[in-house]
Amino acid sequence: MSGAVAIASFVVSAALAALLVSRFGRLALDRPNERSLHERPVPRTGGLAVLGGALVSVAFGAAPLWLLLASGYALAAVSFVDDLRHLHTAARLTAHLVAAALLVWYATAPIDPLAAALLVLAVAWITNLYNFMDGSDGLAGGMALIGFGTYAAAAALAGDMPLLVLSLALAGAAAGFLCFNFPPARIFLGDVGSVPLGFFAGGAGIVGWHDDVWPLWFPLLVFAPFIGDATLTLLRRLMRRERVWQAHREHYYQRLVRLGAGHRGTALAAYALMLVCAAAALYARDQAPAVQAIAFAAGCAVLVVAGAWIDVRWARQMRAGQAPT
């Protein structure tokens, strides 16, 4: 059954993506702006294909995760309206926080109020950062494929069937979408895809922790390439007193593209980092606490080295008066 859900999700997602590209190619166009790394308008409706593929999971046994699914699809509806009409930031954030609060309350009650508040903020942050990181061809789709594939492997080892089915469906749907999003992309996720994927990453992480499928640090390491880039970039912009809500091109992945790696090279480098973090998380998931700590620290160290290398290259070009475009 595991193979069937992944294949079904892949086929549905790929078919929907092909339909969106061929018949609805002018719907919700993403036009180049100061944040963009692309040079021509591209439809940002690919999330609809991913969500269509992921919905297959319900028929294969993911129904017990109904609140997680319902909340994610509700956020998708809000985000699709945002893709079409640009909702106010406060409205979007309110929706993210409400969905996160419902999920944390349902999945973890009874729990200490302070711990619950921190988990709600964590889920809301991952929901948003996934959107921030959806700015280069193949990047967010690859993170979904590798991240949820890792969740599926851990759920299989723990014997958690609903979480396994949902994770496989999300990974398969991401793979189908990548057929049209790997550089050069013909379709983007859009908020309708990136926001619910971020929510599923955080929400499923909470569910798996509560059900003893993995420790709390596990989702953080699995999605560390996204979490680290978005968090460090935000902190750096806050320290410079910049308007963090405005569009920019300061993420590490954006700098790597602008340094000459291009979308394809950046995607492949990111996949390598994702796989390193995923492998470390899977290996240490049920090991002794000391091994878990070492694995987490090692994964973070790899990301720090990669980020430092990009910073050095960026600073060198800036000093040489060759500002990347």
C-alpha atoms as a PDB file:
ATOM      1  CA  MET A   1       0.000   0.000   0.000  1.00  0.00           C
ATOM      2  CA  SER A   2       2.877   2.402   0.697  1.00  0.00           C
ATOM      3  CA  GLY A   3       4.035   2.243  -2.892  1.00  0.00           C
ATOM      4  CA  ALA A   4       0.497   2.676  -4.168  1.00  0.00           C
ATOM      5  CA  VAL A   5      -0.158   5.913  -2.291  1.00  0.00           C
ATOM      6  CA  ALA A   6       3.142   7.440  -3.463  1.00  0.00           C
ATOM      7  CA  ILE A   7       2.509   6.469  -7.090  1.00  0.00           C
ATOM      8  CA  ALA A   8      -1.114   7.639  -7.022  1.00  0.00           C
ATOM      9  CA  SER A   9      -0.133  10.988  -5.511  1.00  0.00           C
ATOM     10  CA  PHE A  10       2.646  11.422  -8.060  1.00  0.00           C
ATOM     11  CA  VAL A  11       0.345  10.680 -11.013  1.00  0.00           C
ATOM     12  CA  VAL A  12      -2.449  12.972  -9.792  1.00  0.00           C
ATOM     13  CA  SER A  13      -0.052  15.818  -9.031  1.00  0.00           C
ATOM     14  CA  ALA A  14       1.814  15.532 -12.342  1.00  0.00           C
ATOM     15  CA  ALA A  15      -1.444  15.348 -14.314  1.00  0.00           C
ATOM     16  CA  LEU A  16      -2.864  18.397 -12.555  1.00  0.00           C
ATOM     17  CA  ALA A  17       0.379  20.338 -13.036  1.00  0.00           C
ATOM     18  CA  ALA A  18       0.350  19.529 -16.750  1.00  0.00           C
ATOM     19  CA  LEU A  19      -3.262  20.711 -16.961  1.00  0.00           C
ATOM     20  CA  LEU A  20      -2.500  23.928 -15.101  1.00  0.00           C
ATOM     21  CA  VAL A  21       0.450  24.696 -17.372  1.00  0.00           C
ATOM     22  CA  SER A  22      -1.346  23.902 -20.632  1.00  0.00           C
ATOM     23  CA  ARG A  23      -4.860  25.217 -19.958  1.00  0.00           C
ATOM     24  CA  PHE A  24      -4.501  27.760 -17.143  1.00  0.00           C
ATOM     25  CA  GLY A  25      -1.053  29.168 -17.831  1.00  0.00           C
ATOM     26  CA  ARG A  26      -2.169  32.767 -17.361  1.00  0.00           C
ATOM     27  CA  LEU A  27      -3.905  32.277 -14.011  1.00  0.00           C
ATOM     28  CA  ALA A  28      -2.222  33.969 -11.020  1.00  0.00           C
ATOM     29  CA  LEU A  29       0.914  34.897 -12.924  1.00  0.00           C
ATOM     30  CA  ASP A  30       4.039  35.619 -10.884  1.00  0.00           C
ATOM     31  CA  ARG A  31       5.525  38.643 -12.615  1.00  0.00           C
ATOM     32  CA  PRO A  32       9.206  39.500 -12.014  1.00  0.00           C
ATOM     33  CA  ASN A  33       9.856  42.056  -9.253  1.00  0.00           C
ATOM     34  CA  GLU A  34      12.676  43.185  -6.963  1.00  0.00           C
ATOM     35  CA  ARG A  35      12.611  39.842  -5.092  1.00  0.00           C
ATOM     36  CA  SER A  36      12.356  37.628  -8.144  1.00  0.00           C
ATOM     37  CA  LEU A  37      15.099  35.487  -9.608  1.00  0.00           C
ATOM     38  CA  HIS A  38      13.085  34.748 -12.768  1.00  0.00           C
ATOM     39  CA  GLU A  39      12.811  36.946 -15.829  1.00  0.00           C
ATOM     40  CA  ARG A  40       9.413  36.031 -17.294  1.00  0.00           C
ATOM     41  CA  PRO A  41       5.889  35.629 -15.875  1.00  0.00           C
ATOM     42  CA  VAL A  42       5.227  32.129 -14.501  1.00  0.00           C
ATOM     43  CA  PRO A  43       1.913  30.829 -13.134  1.00  0.00           C
ATOM     44  CA  ARG A  44       1.963  30.308  -9.365  1.00  0.00           C
ATOM     45  CA  THR A  45      -0.746  27.656  -9.237  1.00  0.00           C
ATOM     46  CA  GLY A  46       1.422  24.558  -8.801  1.00  0.00           C
ATOM     47  CA  GLY A  47       0.318  24.211  -5.206  1.00  0.00           C
ATOM     48  CA  LEU A  48      -3.104  23.154  -6.476  1.00  0.00           C
ATOM     49  CA  ALA A  49      -1.469  20.152  -8.145  1.00  0.00           C
ATOM     50  CA  VAL A  50       0.444  19.231  -4.978  1.00  0.00           C
ATOM     51  CA  LEU A  51      -2.676  19.517  -2.837  1.00  0.00           C
ATOM     52  CA  GLY A  52      -4.646  17.441  -5.304  1.00  0.00           C
ATOM     53  CA  GLY A  53      -2.019  14.715  -5.159  1.00  0.00           C
ATOM     54  CA  ALA A  54      -1.799  14.861  -1.367  1.00  0.00           C
ATOM     55  CA  LEU A  55      -5.563  14.467  -1.032  1.00  0.00           C
ATOM     56  CA  VAL A  56      -5.137  10.892  -2.261  1.00  0.00           C
ATOM     57  CA  SER A  57      -3.855  10.087   1.235  1.00  0.00           C
ATOM     58  CA  VAL A  58      -7.385  10.160   2.663  1.00  0.00           C
ATOM     59  CA  ALA A  59      -8.362   7.111   0.600  1.00  0.00           C
ATOM     60  CA  PHE A  60      -5.324   5.198   1.869  1.00  0.00           C
ATOM     61  CA  GLY A  61      -5.730   5.755   5.619  1.00  0.00           C
ATOM     62  CA  ALA A  62      -4.766   9.329   6.534  1.00  0.00           C
ATOM     63  CA  ALA A  63      -8.295  10.200   7.730  1.00  0.00           C
ATOM     64  CA  PRO A  64      -7.308  10.056  11.451  1.00  0.00           C
ATOM     65  CA  LEU A  65      -5.229  13.170  10.752  1.00  0.00           C
ATOM     66  CA  TRP A  66      -8.376  14.996   9.672  1.00  0.00           C
ATOM     67  CA  LEU A  67      -7.727  18.209  11.616  1.00  0.00           C
ATOM     68  CA  LEU A  68      -4.186  18.527  10.265  1.00  0.00           C
ATOM     69  CA  LEU A  69      -5.506  18.007   6.738  1.00  0.00           C
ATOM     70  CA  ALA A  70      -8.509  20.277   7.151  1.00  0.00           C
ATOM     71  CA  SER A  71      -6.410  23.080   8.603  1.00  0.00           C
ATOM     72  CA  GLY A  72      -3.815  22.780   5.845  1.00  0.00           C
ATOM     73  CA  TYR A  73      -6.429  22.903   3.110  1.00  0.00           C
ATOM     74  CA  ALA A  74      -8.175  25.827   4.801  1.00  0.00           C
ATOM     75  CA  LEU A  75      -4.871  27.710   4.737  1.00  0.00           C
ATOM     76  CA  ALA A  76      -4.531  26.754   1.078  1.00  0.00           C
ATOM     77  CA  ALA A  77      -7.900  28.393   0.355  1.00  0.00           C
ATOM     78  CA  VAL A  78      -6.854  31.587   2.136  1.00  0.00           C
ATOM     79  CA  SER A  79      -3.498  31.553   0.350  1.00  0.00           C
ATOM     80  CA  PHE A  80      -5.096  31.055  -3.066  1.00  0.00           C
ATOM     81  CA  VAL A  81      -7.199  34.159  -2.483  1.00  0.00           C
ATOM     82  CA  ASP A  82      -3.956  35.913  -1.529  1.00  0.00           C
ATOM     83  CA  ASP A  83      -2.328  34.746  -4.779  1.00  0.00           C
ATOM     84  CA  LEU A  84      -5.227  36.250  -6.720  1.00  0.00           C
ATOM     85  CA  ARG A  85      -6.015  39.395  -4.731  1.00  0.00           C
ATOM     86  CA  HIS A  86      -3.190  39.996  -2.205  1.00  0.00           C
ATOM     87  CA  LEU A  87      -4.655  39.828   1.287  1.00  0.00           C
ATOM     88  CA  HIS A  88      -3.414  42.068   4.090  1.00  0.00           C
ATOM     89  CA  THR A  89      -0.467  40.633   6.028  1.00  0.00           C
ATOM     90  CA  ALA A  90      -2.435  40.698   9.296  1.00  0.00           C
ATOM     91  CA  ALA A  91      -5.193  38.558   7.772  1.00  0.00           C
ATOM     92  CA  ARG A  92      -2.701  35.957   6.552  1.00  0.00           C
ATOM     93  CA  LEU A  93      -0.850  35.791   9.864  1.00  0.00           C
ATOM     94  CA  THR A  94      -4.095  35.483  11.798  1.00  0.00           C
ATOM     95  CA  ALA A  95      -5.096  32.501   9.674  1.00  0.00           C
ATOM     96  CA  HIS A  96      -1.684  30.878  10.231  1.00  0.00           C
ATOM     97  CA  LEU A  97      -1.850  31.355  14.000  1.00  0.00           C
ATOM     98  CA  VAL A  98      -5.424  30.080  14.279  1.00  0.00           C
ATOM     99  CA  ALA A  99      -4.599  26.948  12.279  1.00  0.00           C
ATOM    100  CA  ALA A 100      -1.458  26.345  14.355  1.00  0.00           C
ATOM    101  CA  ALA A 101      -3.333  26.854  17.629  1.00  0.00           C
ATOM    102  CA  LEU A 102      -6.099  24.426  16.654  1.00  0.00           C
ATOM    103  CA  LEU A 103      -3.579  21.791  15.630  1.00  0.00           C
ATOM    104  CA  VAL A 104      -1.449  22.133  18.781  1.00  0.00           C
ATOM    105  CA  TRP A 105      -4.530  22.081  21.022  1.00  0.00           C
ATOM    106  CA  TYR A 106      -5.964  18.998  19.336  1.00  0.00           C
ATOM    107  CA  ALA A 107      -2.705  17.058  19.048  1.00  0.00           C
ATOM    108  CA  THR A 108      -1.056  17.771  22.391  1.00  0.00           C
ATOM    109  CA  ALA A 109      -3.726  18.585  25.014  1.00  0.00           C
ATOM    110  CA  PRO A 110      -3.302  18.600  27.937  1.00  0.00           C
ATOM    111  CA  ILE A 111      -0.073  20.580  27.746  1.00  0.00           C
ATOM    112  CA  ASP A 112       1.526  23.437  29.654  1.00  0.00           C
ATOM    113  CA  PRO A 113       0.194  26.780  28.263  1.00  0.00           C
ATOM    114  CA  LEU A 114       3.679  28.205  27.761  1.00  0.00           C
ATOM    115  CA  ALA A 115       4.820  25.097  25.891  1.00  0.00           C
ATOM    116  CA  ALA A 116       1.654  25.227  23.793  1.00  0.00           C
ATOM    117  CA  ALA A 117       2.267  28.877  22.909  1.00  0.00           C
ATOM    118  CA  LEU A 118       5.826  28.122  21.837  1.00  0.00           C
ATOM    119  CA  LEU A 119       4.661  25.237  19.654  1.00  0.00           C
ATOM    120  CA  VAL A 120       1.995  27.436  18.049  1.00  0.00           C
ATOM    121  CA  LEU A 121       4.615  30.072  17.221  1.00  0.00           C
ATOM    122  CA  ALA A 122       6.955  27.396  15.867  1.00  0.00           C
ATOM    123  CA  VAL A 123       4.299  25.956  13.547  1.00  0.00           C
ATOM    124  CA  ALA A 124       3.293  29.438  12.375  1.00  0.00           C
ATOM    125  CA  TRP A 125       6.947  30.318  11.741  1.00  0.00           C
ATOM    126  CA  ILE A 126       7.590  27.182   9.673  1.00  0.00           C
ATOM    127  CA  THR A 127       4.383  27.910   7.744  1.00  0.00           C
ATOM    128  CA  ASN A 128       5.722  31.340   6.831  1.00  0.00           C
ATOM    129  CA  LEU A 129       9.352  30.456   6.250  1.00  0.00           C
ATOM    130  CA  TYR A 130       8.394  27.818   3.713  1.00  0.00           C
ATOM    131  CA  ASN A 131       6.769  30.627   1.772  1.00  0.00           C
ATOM    132  CA  PHE A 132       9.893  32.776   2.131  1.00  0.00           C
ATOM    133  CA  MET A 133      12.057  29.972   0.772  1.00  0.00           C
ATOM    134  CA  ASP A 134       9.909  29.362  -2.300  1.00  0.00           C
ATOM    135  CA  GLY A 135      11.887  31.647  -4.577  1.00  0.00           C
ATOM    136  CA  SER A 136      14.106  29.470  -6.764  1.00  0.00           C
ATOM    137  CA  ASP A 137      13.204  26.767  -9.265  1.00  0.00           C
ATOM    138  CA  GLY A 138      13.001  23.313  -7.705  1.00  0.00           C
ATOM    139  CA  LEU A 139      13.939  24.417  -4.206  1.00  0.00           C
ATOM    140  CA  ALA A 140      10.684  24.174  -2.211  1.00  0.00           C
ATOM    141  CA  GLY A 141       9.496  21.155  -4.182  1.00  0.00           C
ATOM    142  CA  GLY A 142      12.749  19.345  -3.454  1.00  0.00           C
ATOM    143  CA  MET A 143      12.508  20.201   0.239  1.00  0.00           C
ATOM    144  CA  ALA A 144       8.989  18.750   0.280  1.00  0.00           C
ATOM    145  CA  LEU A 145      10.080  15.561  -1.475  1.00  0.00           C
ATOM    146  CA  ILE A 146      13.076  14.974   0.804  1.00  0.00           C
ATOM    147  CA  GLY A 147      11.486  16.298   4.000  1.00  0.00           C
ATOM    148  CA  PHE A 148       8.225  14.397   3.801  1.00  0.00           C
ATOM    149  CA  GLY A 149      10.036  11.373   2.432  1.00  0.00           C
ATOM    150  CA  THR A 150      12.102  11.418   5.621  1.00  0.00           C
ATOM    151  CA  TYR A 151       8.953  11.755   7.711  1.00  0.00           C
ATOM    152  CA  ALA A 152       7.548   8.721   5.864  1.00  0.00           C
ATOM    153  CA  ALA A 153      10.657   6.640   6.584  1.00  0.00           C
ATOM    154  CA  ALA A 154      10.512   7.489  10.286  1.00  0.00           C
ATOM    155  CA  ALA A 155       6.765   6.815  10.449  1.00  0.00           C
ATOM    156  CA  ALA A 156       7.305   3.434   8.778  1.00  0.00           C
ATOM    157  CA  LEU A 157       9.968   2.514  11.324  1.00  0.00           C
ATOM    158  CA  ALA A 158       7.605   3.493  14.151  1.00  0.00           C
ATOM    159  CA  GLY A 159       4.579   1.755  12.615  1.00  0.00           C
ATOM    160  CA  ASP A 160       2.455   4.936  12.456  1.00  0.00           C
ATOM    161  CA  MET A 161       0.273   4.235   9.401  1.00  0.00           C
ATOM    162  CA  PRO A 162      -1.718   7.511   9.111  1.00  0.00           C
ATOM    163  CA  LEU A 163       1.441   9.622   9.350  1.00  0.00           C
ATOM    164  CA  LEU A 164       3.222   7.301   6.904  1.00  0.00           C
ATOM    165  CA  VAL A 165       0.417   7.590   4.352  1.00  0.00           C
ATOM    166  CA  LEU A 166       0.150  11.371   4.585  1.00  0.00           C
ATOM    167  CA  SER A 167       3.928  11.840   4.379  1.00  0.00           C
ATOM    168  CA  LEU A 168       4.213   9.525   1.372  1.00  0.00           C
ATOM    169  CA  ALA A 169       1.370  11.312  -0.368  1.00  0.00           C
ATOM    170  CA  LEU A 170       3.002  14.699   0.185  1.00  0.00           C
ATOM    171  CA  ALA A 171       6.376  13.404  -1.029  1.00  0.00           C
ATOM    172  CA  GLY A 172       4.810  11.783  -4.106  1.00  0.00           C
ATOM    173  CA  ALA A 173       2.805  14.909  -4.907  1.00  0.00           C
ATOM    174  CA  ALA A 174       5.944  17.030  -4.588  1.00  0.00           C
ATOM    175  CA  ALA A 175       7.760  14.715  -7.006  1.00  0.00           C
ATOM    176  CA  GLY A 176       4.945  15.077  -9.542  1.00  0.00           C
ATOM    177  CA  PHE A 177       5.085  18.858  -9.212  1.00  0.00           C
ATOM    178  CA  LEU A 178       8.883  18.846  -9.613  1.00  0.00           C
ATOM    179  CA  CYS A 179       8.479  17.420 -13.109  1.00  0.00           C
ATOM    180  CA  PHE A 180       7.285  20.913 -14.057  1.00  0.00           C
ATOM    181  CA  ASN A 181       9.172  23.003 -11.488  1.00  0.00           C
ATOM    182  CA  PHE A 182      12.752  21.721 -11.756  1.00  0.00           C
ATOM    183  CA  PRO A 183      14.852  24.329 -13.574  1.00  0.00           C
ATOM    184  CA  PRO A 184      13.718  25.842 -15.835  1.00  0.00           C
ATOM    185  CA  ALA A 185      10.379  26.004 -14.013  1.00  0.00           C
ATOM    186  CA  ARG A 186       7.151  26.138 -15.977  1.00  0.00           C
ATOM    187  CA  ILE A 187       5.025  26.591 -12.858  1.00  0.00           C
ATOM    188  CA  PHE A 188       5.578  27.774  -9.279  1.00  0.00           C
ATOM    189  CA  LEU A 189       3.998  26.583  -6.036  1.00  0.00           C
ATOM    190  CA  GLY A 190       2.524  29.957  -5.151  1.00  0.00           C
ATOM    191  CA  ASP A 191       1.284  30.722  -1.656  1.00  0.00           C
ATOM    192  CA  VAL A 192      -1.458  28.143  -2.243  1.00  0.00           C
ATOM    193  CA  GLY A 193       1.265  25.487  -2.184  1.00  0.00           C
ATOM    194  CA  SER A 194       4.085  26.835  -0.032  1.00  0.00           C
ATOM    195  CA  VAL A 195       1.925  27.883   2.930  1.00  0.00           C
ATOM    196  CA  PRO A 196       0.131  24.535   3.456  1.00  0.00           C
ATOM    197  CA  LEU A 197       3.369  22.620   2.840  1.00  0.00           C
ATOM    198  CA  GLY A 198       5.024  24.643   5.597  1.00  0.00           C
ATOM    199  CA  PHE A 199       2.037  24.010   7.840  1.00  0.00           C
ATOM    200  CA  PHE A 200       2.126  20.265   7.133  1.00  0.00           C
ATOM    201  CA  ALA A 201       5.866  20.219   7.873  1.00  0.00           C
ATOM    202  CA  GLY A 202       5.357  21.845  11.260  1.00  0.00           C
ATOM    203  CA  GLY A 203       2.018  20.230  12.086  1.00  0.00           C
ATOM    204  CA  ALA A 204       3.046  16.695  11.178  1.00  0.00           C
ATOM    205  CA  GLY A 205       6.232  17.291  13.147  1.00  0.00           C
ATOM    206  CA  ILE A 206       4.162  18.045  16.261  1.00  0.00           C
ATOM    207  CA  VAL A 207       1.895  15.033  15.678  1.00  0.00           C
ATOM    208  CA  GLY A 208       4.861  12.698  15.238  1.00  0.00           C
ATOM    209  CA  TRP A 209       6.504  14.020  18.393  1.00  0.00           C
ATOM    210  CA  HIS A 210       3.328  13.614  20.442  1.00  0.00           C
ATOM    211  CA  ASP A 211       2.843  10.059  19.123  1.00  0.00           C
ATOM    212  CA  ASP A 212       6.472   9.104  19.933  1.00  0.00           C
ATOM    213  CA  VAL A 213       7.390   8.616  16.286  1.00  0.00           C
ATOM    214  CA  TRP A 214      10.374  10.958  16.687  1.00  0.00           C
ATOM    215  CA  PRO A 215      11.864  13.388  19.234  1.00  0.00           C
ATOM    216  CA  LEU A 216      10.982  17.080  19.058  1.00  0.00           C
ATOM    217  CA  TRP A 217      14.297  18.025  17.434  1.00  0.00           C
ATOM    218  CA  PHE A 218      13.716  15.630  14.513  1.00  0.00           C
ATOM    219  CA  PRO A 219      11.513  17.908  12.343  1.00  0.00           C
ATOM    220  CA  LEU A 220      13.872  20.809  13.027  1.00  0.00           C
ATOM    221  CA  LEU A 221      16.839  18.884  11.624  1.00  0.00           C
ATOM    222  CA  VAL A 222      14.904  17.419   8.700  1.00  0.00           C
ATOM    223  CA  PHE A 223      13.847  20.895   7.551  1.00  0.00           C
ATOM    224  CA  ALA A 224      16.974  22.646   8.883  1.00  0.00           C
ATOM    225  CA  PRO A 225      18.164  23.944   5.468  1.00  0.00           C
ATOM    226  CA  PHE A 226      14.960  25.991   5.196  1.00  0.00           C
ATOM    227  CA  ILE A 227      14.679  26.874   8.876  1.00  0.00           C
ATOM    228  CA  GLY A 228      18.305  27.988   9.109  1.00  0.00           C
ATOM    229  CA  ASP A 229      18.307  30.103   5.945  1.00  0.00           C
ATOM    230  CA  ALA A 230      15.019  31.881   6.689  1.00  0.00           C
ATOM    231  CA  THR A 231      15.734  32.443  10.381  1.00  0.00           C
ATOM    232  CA  LEU A 232      19.282  33.750   9.945  1.00  0.00           C
ATOM    233  CA  THR A 233      18.214  36.003   7.082  1.00  0.00           C
ATOM    234  CA  LEU A 234      15.388  37.456   9.176  1.00  0.00           C
ATOM    235  CA  LEU A 235      17.691  38.082  12.146  1.00  0.00           C
ATOM    236  CA  ARG A 236      20.311  39.695   9.928  1.00  0.00           C
ATOM    237  CA  ARG A 237      17.732  42.050   8.414  1.00  0.00           C
ATOM    238  CA  LEU A 238      16.346  42.881  11.864  1.00  0.00           C
ATOM    239  CA  MET A 239      19.838  43.791  13.066  1.00  0.00           C
ATOM    240  CA  ARG A 240      20.170  46.141  10.096  1.00  0.00           C
ATOM    241  CA  ARG A 241      16.760  47.618  10.982  1.00  0.00           C
ATOM    242  CA  GLU A 242      15.377  46.764   7.564  1.00  0.00           C
ATOM    243  CA  ARG A 243      11.689  46.349   6.843  1.00  0.00           C
ATOM    244  CA  VAL A 244      11.543  42.578   7.114  1.00  0.00           C
ATOM    245  CA  TRP A 245       8.074  42.348   5.562  1.00  0.00           C
ATOM    246  CA  GLN A 246       9.280  43.816   2.263  1.00  0.00           C
ATOM    247  CA  ALA A 247      10.444  41.696  -0.663  1.00  0.00           C
ATOM    248  CA  HIS A 248      14.201  41.118  -0.907  1.00  0.00           C
ATOM    249  CA  ARG A 249      16.899  38.868  -2.350  1.00  0.00           C
ATOM    250  CA  GLU A 250      19.067  38.312   0.713  1.00  0.00           C
ATOM    251  CA  HIS A 251      18.370  34.636   1.480  1.00  0.00           C
ATOM    252  CA  TYR A 252      21.371  32.350   1.152  1.00  0.00           C
ATOM    253  CA  TYR A 253      19.773  30.453  -1.699  1.00  0.00           C
ATOM    254  CA  GLN A 254      19.100  33.730  -3.527  1.00  0.00           C
ATOM    255  CA  ARG A 255      22.705  34.789  -3.055  1.00  0.00           C
ATOM    256  CA  LEU A 256      23.923  31.452  -4.362  1.00  0.00           C
ATOM    257  CA  VAL A 257      21.840  31.869  -7.511  1.00  0.00           C
ATOM    258  CA  ARG A 258      23.171  35.402  -7.973  1.00  0.00           C
ATOM    259  CA  LEU A 259      26.757  34.264  -7.400  1.00  0.00           C
ATOM    260  CA  GLY A 260      26.531  32.195 -10.552  1.00  0.00           C
ATOM    261  CA  ALA A 261      25.294  28.799  -9.434  1.00  0.00           C
ATOM    262  CA  GLY A 262      21.999  29.404 -11.213  1.00  0.00           C
ATOM    263  CA  HIS A 263      18.702  27.778 -10.347  1.00  0.00           C
ATOM    264  CA  ARG A 264      19.827  24.262 -11.250  1.00  0.00           C
ATOM    265  CA  GLY A 265      23.121  24.432  -9.345  1.00  0.00           C
ATOM    266  CA  THR A 266      21.424  25.981  -6.328  1.00  0.00           C
ATOM    267  CA  ALA A 267      18.718  23.302  -6.316  1.00  0.00           C
ATOM    268  CA  LEU A 268      21.265  20.475  -6.515  1.00  0.00           C
ATOM    269  CA  ALA A 269      23.421  21.996  -3.749  1.00  0.00           C
ATOM    270  CA  ALA A 270      20.328  22.432  -1.575  1.00  0.00           C
ATOM    271  CA  TYR A 271      19.269  18.822  -2.211  1.00  0.00           C
ATOM    272  CA  ALA A 272      22.665  17.641  -0.999  1.00  0.00           C
ATOM    273  CA  LEU A 273      22.325  19.637   2.236  1.00  0.00           C
ATOM    274  CA  MET A 274      18.761  18.397   2.703  1.00  0.00           C
ATOM    275  CA  LEU A 275      19.851  14.786   2.292  1.00  0.00           C
ATOM    276  CA  VAL A 276      22.690  15.211   4.809  1.00  0.00           C
ATOM    277  CA  CYS A 277      20.303  16.620   7.418  1.00  0.00           C
ATOM    278  CA  ALA A 278      17.661  13.987   6.643  1.00  0.00           C
ATOM    279  CA  ALA A 279      20.160  11.133   6.963  1.00  0.00           C
ATOM    280  CA  ALA A 280      21.495  12.478  10.265  1.00  0.00           C
ATOM    281  CA  ALA A 281      17.962  12.841  11.638  1.00  0.00           C
ATOM    282  CA  LEU A 282      16.926   9.328  10.609  1.00  0.00           C
ATOM    283  CA  TYR A 283      20.096   7.761  11.992  1.00  0.00           C
ATOM    284  CA  ALA A 284      19.825   9.434  15.389  1.00  0.00           C
ATOM    285  CA  ARG A 285      16.033   9.306  15.765  1.00  0.00           C
ATOM    286  CA  ASP A 286      15.982   6.435  18.275  1.00  0.00           C
ATOM    287  CA  GLN A 287      19.573   6.545  19.469  1.00  0.00           C
ATOM    288  CA  ALA A 288      20.893   7.537  22.884  1.00  0.00           C
ATOM    289  CA  PRO A 289      20.517  11.240  23.813  1.00  0.00           C
ATOM    290  CA  ALA A 290      24.235  11.850  23.337  1.00  0.00           C
ATOM    291  CA  VAL A 291      24.118  10.466  19.787  1.00  0.00           C
ATOM    292  CA  GLN A 292      21.047  12.559  19.032  1.00  0.00           C
ATOM    293  CA  ALA A 293      22.814  15.688  20.240  1.00  0.00           C
ATOM    294  CA  ILE A 294      25.895  14.925  18.142  1.00  0.00           C
ATOM    295  CA  ALA A 295      23.818  14.250  15.020  1.00  0.00           C
ATOM    296  CA  PHE A 296      21.855  17.465  15.445  1.00  0.00           C
ATOM    297  CA  ALA A 297      25.020  19.468  16.027  1.00  0.00           C
ATOM    298  CA  ALA A 298      26.732  17.858  13.029  1.00  0.00           C
ATOM    299  CA  GLY A 299      23.827  18.691  10.718  1.00  0.00           C
ATOM    300  CA  CYS A 300      23.802  22.281  11.937  1.00  0.00           C
ATOM    301  CA  ALA A 301      27.589  22.506  11.514  1.00  0.00           C
ATOM    302  CA  VAL A 302      27.319  21.470   7.869  1.00  0.00           C
ATOM    303  CA  LEU A 303      24.777  24.219   7.275  1.00  0.00           C
ATOM    304  CA  VAL A 304      26.930  26.796   9.087  1.00  0.00           C
ATOM    305  CA  VAL A 305      29.916  25.912   6.896  1.00  0.00           C
ATOM    306  CA  ALA A 306      27.795  26.177   3.743  1.00  0.00           C
ATOM    307  CA  GLY A 307      26.397  29.535   4.843  1.00  0.00           C
ATOM    308  CA  ALA A 308      29.838  30.860   5.752  1.00  0.00           C
ATOM    309  CA  TRP A 309      31.173  29.853   2.337  1.00  0.00           C
ATOM    310  CA  ILE A 310      28.380  31.803   0.629  1.00  0.00           C
ATOM    311  CA  ASP A 311      28.997  34.805   2.911  1.00  0.00           C
ATOM    312  CA  VAL A 312      32.721  34.815   2.075  1.00  0.00           C
ATOM    313  CA  ARG A 313      32.096  34.555  -1.663  1.00  0.00           C
ATOM    314  CA  TRP A 314      29.472  37.298  -1.469  1.00  0.00           C
ATOM    315  CA  ALA A 315      31.710  39.658   0.515  1.00  0.00           C
ATOM    316  CA  ARG A 316      34.633  39.022  -1.853  1.00  0.00           C
ATOM    317  CA  GLN A 317      32.566  40.000  -4.895  1.00  0.00           C
ATOM    318  CA  MET A 318      31.204  43.069  -3.133  1.00  0.00           C
ATOM    319  CA  ARG A 319      34.748  44.210  -2.206  1.00  0.00           C
ATOM    320  CA  ALA A 320      35.819  43.695  -5.802  1.00  0.00           C
ATOM    321  CA  GLY A 321      33.037  45.973  -6.936  1.00  0.00           C
ATOM    322  CA  GLN A 322      31.288  43.137  -8.757  1.00  0.00           C
ATOM    323  CA  ALA A 323      27.871  43.237  -7.102  1.00  0.00           C
ATOM    324  CA  PRO A 324      25.936  40.115  -8.161  1.00  0.00           C
ATOM    325  CA  THR A 325      22.828  40.829 -10.204  1.00  0.00           C
END
